[in-house]
Structure formats: C-alpha cells, structure tokens
Amino acid sequence: MYKRIVVPLDGSKLAEEVLTHVRALASALGSEIILMRVTTYPSYEYLLADPGVASSLQTSLEGEAREYLNGLVDSLHRAGFQARAEVVTVGGPVADAIIAFAHKVEADLIAMSTHGRTGPSRWFLGSVADRVVRGAGVPVLMIRPIKHD
C-alpha cells in the first residue's frame, strides 16, 4: 500500500518524532523510507559582494543537511529498514519543494510532524504542513508531537 514514504525533516527533534510512526508503518508494510530536507537559498545573498561567499555558504548548508540526514539513514539501515536521503535546495516555498519531491520519487505517503502553531503565529508564518496537506495529491500522515518541557 505504502511502498515509498517521504519524510520531510527540518533538523529539529520535534520533526523527528514522526520517525517512530514511520518505522512502525515501514516495518509492517516493507516500505522504503525517503528522508528529505529542504534548504533554501540565503535571502540575504544579494548583500554579499563576493558571489563565492554565497556559493560557499550554500554548499555548507547543503553539506550540513546531508550529514544530518545520512546519520538518520545509517540508524535506519542498522535497524533493518530500506532508507535513503536527499537534500533539495529551492528558492521558493518549502511546501512546494516537498510536494514536487514526493511526486518525483513517486511517493505513496508523506509523513511529517506539525509544529502546531495556532493563531497569529500561524497566520504570519504560515503552515508548511497545511500547505503540503492541501497540495500533495497523495496521503499525508500528520503527527503533532507531544511537547516536552
């Protein structure tokens, strides 16, 4: 049913809480887990006089994201799961990048945590999760993590 599960992560422990649910699904269904992280081009790039600095910064951000994801993939492999990771760099909305990536890899499910913002912070910041749910075209599993003090 769910052969490929895409899991967008932002590097936070909150986002990683979805992995417990994804492991359970993948274990039961034999699914491949595809971890992804979206990096965006620095919005202040135009302020940098040296284009090499901007390029170096972007390379560094992508490298950190790749290292983060590869650590999680290694852990999944050791636990017996089929998993891979990809970093996607975009200049536009993160939600659009997640949706496009899910279509590219022919995902059957997108599984992600929601930060659970409400009220003015949601209006101002928007909700990547909400945009993914509305535009994905494939099932989306949303997990609202338990807040730890």
Protein backbone atom coordinates (compact mmCIF):
# COMPACT_ATOMS: atom_id res chain seq x y z
CA MET A 1 0.00 0.00 0.00
CA TYR A 2 2.69 2.49 1.00
CA LYS A 3 5.80 1.43 -0.90
CA ARG A 4 7.60 4.79 -0.58
CA ILE A 5 7.21 7.08 2.40
CA VAL A 6 8.69 10.57 2.12
CA VAL A 7 9.64 12.15 5.44
CA PRO A 8 10.48 15.88 5.32
CA LEU A 9 12.70 16.89 8.23
CA ASP A 10 13.93 20.31 9.30
CA GLY A 11 16.67 19.19 11.67
CA SER A 12 14.61 19.57 14.84
CA LYS A 13 13.84 16.87 17.40
CA LEU A 14 10.20 17.86 17.05
CA ALA A 15 10.22 16.97 13.35
CA GLU A 16 11.99 13.68 14.05
CA GLU A 17 9.15 12.48 16.27
CA VAL A 18 7.33 11.33 13.14
CA LEU A 19 10.04 8.70 12.65
CA THR A 20 8.55 6.45 15.35
CA HIS A 21 5.34 6.23 13.35
CA VAL A 22 7.17 5.85 10.04
CA ARG A 23 9.27 2.98 11.42
CA ALA A 24 6.12 1.17 12.53
CA LEU A 25 4.48 1.61 9.12
CA ALA A 26 7.61 0.65 7.18
CA SER A 27 8.14 -2.40 9.36
CA ALA A 28 4.59 -3.62 8.85
CA LEU A 29 4.43 -2.82 5.12
CA GLY A 30 8.03 -3.23 3.94
CA SER A 31 8.13 0.40 2.81
CA GLU A 32 11.15 2.36 1.69
CA ILE A 33 11.75 5.44 3.83
CA ILE A 34 12.95 8.51 1.95
CA LEU A 35 14.17 11.26 4.25
CA MET A 36 14.41 14.73 2.79
CA ARG A 37 15.48 18.13 3.95
CA VAL A 38 14.78 21.35 2.11
CA THR A 39 17.39 24.07 2.18
CA THR A 40 16.65 27.49 0.81
CA TYR A 41 18.96 29.96 -0.82
CA PRO A 42 20.00 32.63 1.65
CA SER A 43 17.63 35.59 1.30
CA TYR A 44 20.49 37.95 2.02
CA GLU A 45 22.56 36.62 -0.86
CA TYR A 46 22.20 39.90 -2.74
CA LEU A 47 24.03 41.66 0.11
CA LEU A 48 27.16 39.63 -0.39
CA ALA A 49 29.67 41.38 -2.61
CA ASP A 50 31.57 38.19 -3.40
CA PRO A 51 29.46 35.55 -5.19
CA GLY A 52 31.92 32.93 -3.99
CA VAL A 53 30.89 33.61 -0.39
CA ALA A 54 27.23 32.97 -1.22
CA SER A 55 28.12 29.78 -3.06
CA SER A 56 30.31 28.62 -0.17
CA LEU A 57 27.54 29.33 2.33
CA GLN A 58 25.01 27.36 0.29
CA THR A 59 27.43 24.45 -0.10
CA SER A 60 27.95 24.47 3.67
CA LEU A 61 24.21 24.45 4.37
CA GLU A 62 23.65 21.58 1.97
CA GLY A 63 26.58 19.64 3.46
CA GLU A 64 25.22 20.02 6.98
CA ALA A 65 21.78 18.89 5.82
CA ARG A 66 23.26 15.88 4.02
CA GLU A 67 25.33 14.91 7.08
CA TYR A 68 22.25 15.17 9.32
CA LEU A 69 20.12 13.01 7.02
CA ASN A 70 22.86 10.45 6.43
CA GLY A 71 23.17 9.94 10.19
CA LEU A 72 19.46 9.15 10.38
CA VAL A 73 19.65 6.87 7.33
CA ASP A 74 22.55 4.96 8.89
CA SER A 75 20.47 4.44 12.02
CA LEU A 76 17.53 3.19 9.94
CA HIS A 77 19.80 0.83 7.99
CA ARG A 78 21.18 -0.63 11.23
CA ALA A 79 17.59 -1.27 12.32
CA GLY A 80 16.94 -3.14 9.06
CA PHE A 81 14.99 -0.54 7.13
CA GLN A 82 15.40 0.35 3.48
CA ALA A 83 16.10 4.09 3.55
CA ARG A 84 17.74 6.89 1.61
CA ALA A 85 18.04 10.63 1.87
CA GLU A 86 18.08 13.66 -0.36
CA VAL A 87 18.66 17.37 0.15
CA VAL A 88 16.56 19.67 -2.01
CA THR A 89 17.58 23.32 -2.42
CA VAL A 90 14.95 25.80 -3.52
CA GLY A 91 14.41 29.49 -3.88
CA GLY A 92 10.66 29.27 -3.31
CA PRO A 93 8.20 27.87 -0.79
CA VAL A 94 9.32 24.82 1.20
CA ALA A 95 5.90 23.18 0.91
CA ASP A 96 6.09 23.31 -2.89
CA ALA A 97 9.51 21.66 -2.76
CA ILE A 98 8.19 18.85 -0.55
CA ILE A 99 5.24 18.24 -2.86
CA ALA A 100 7.40 18.29 -6.01
CA PHE A 101 9.91 15.91 -4.42
CA ALA A 102 7.16 13.48 -3.37
CA HIS A 103 5.88 13.42 -6.95
CA LYS A 104 9.41 13.00 -8.34
CA VAL A 105 10.10 9.90 -6.24
CA GLU A 106 6.54 8.60 -6.72
CA ALA A 107 5.78 8.61 -3.00
CA ASP A 108 2.70 6.83 -1.75
CA LEU A 109 2.69 8.74 1.54
CA ILE A 110 4.20 11.88 3.03
CA ALA A 111 4.71 11.64 6.79
CA MET A 112 5.62 14.72 8.78
CA SER A 113 5.32 16.45 12.10
CA THR A 114 3.47 19.67 12.51
CA HIS A 115 4.75 22.34 14.86
CA GLY A 116 1.17 23.01 15.91
CA ARG A 117 1.25 26.78 15.55
CA THR A 118 -2.08 28.47 16.02
CA GLY A 119 -3.47 31.97 15.93
CA PRO A 120 -1.33 34.91 14.80
CA SER A 121 1.93 32.92 14.56
CA ARG A 122 0.27 30.56 12.09
CA TRP A 123 -1.18 33.44 10.11
CA PHE A 124 2.16 35.21 9.99
CA LEU A 125 4.47 32.23 9.47
CA GLY A 126 2.02 30.09 7.56
CA SER A 127 1.99 26.36 7.89
CA VAL A 128 4.20 24.22 5.69
CA ALA A 129 2.28 21.18 6.90
CA ASP A 130 -1.07 22.74 5.99
CA ARG A 131 0.18 23.63 2.52
CA VAL A 132 1.53 20.10 2.00
CA VAL A 133 -1.78 18.53 3.06
CA ARG A 134 -3.73 20.75 0.68
CA GLY A 135 -1.45 20.31 -2.32
CA ALA A 136 0.17 16.90 -2.07
CA GLY A 137 -2.17 14.74 -4.14
CA VAL A 138 -1.04 11.73 -2.06
CA PRO A 139 -1.99 10.78 1.50
CA VAL A 140 -0.26 12.81 4.22
CA LEU A 141 0.26 11.50 7.74
CA MET A 142 0.50 14.42 10.16
CA ILE A 143 1.87 13.89 13.64
CA ARG A 144 1.50 16.55 16.29
CA PRO A 145 4.38 15.76 18.63
CA ILE A 146 3.99 15.75 22.38
CA LYS A 147 5.58 18.91 23.74
CA HIS A 148 8.38 18.19 26.15
CA ASP A 149 9.31 20.70 28.83
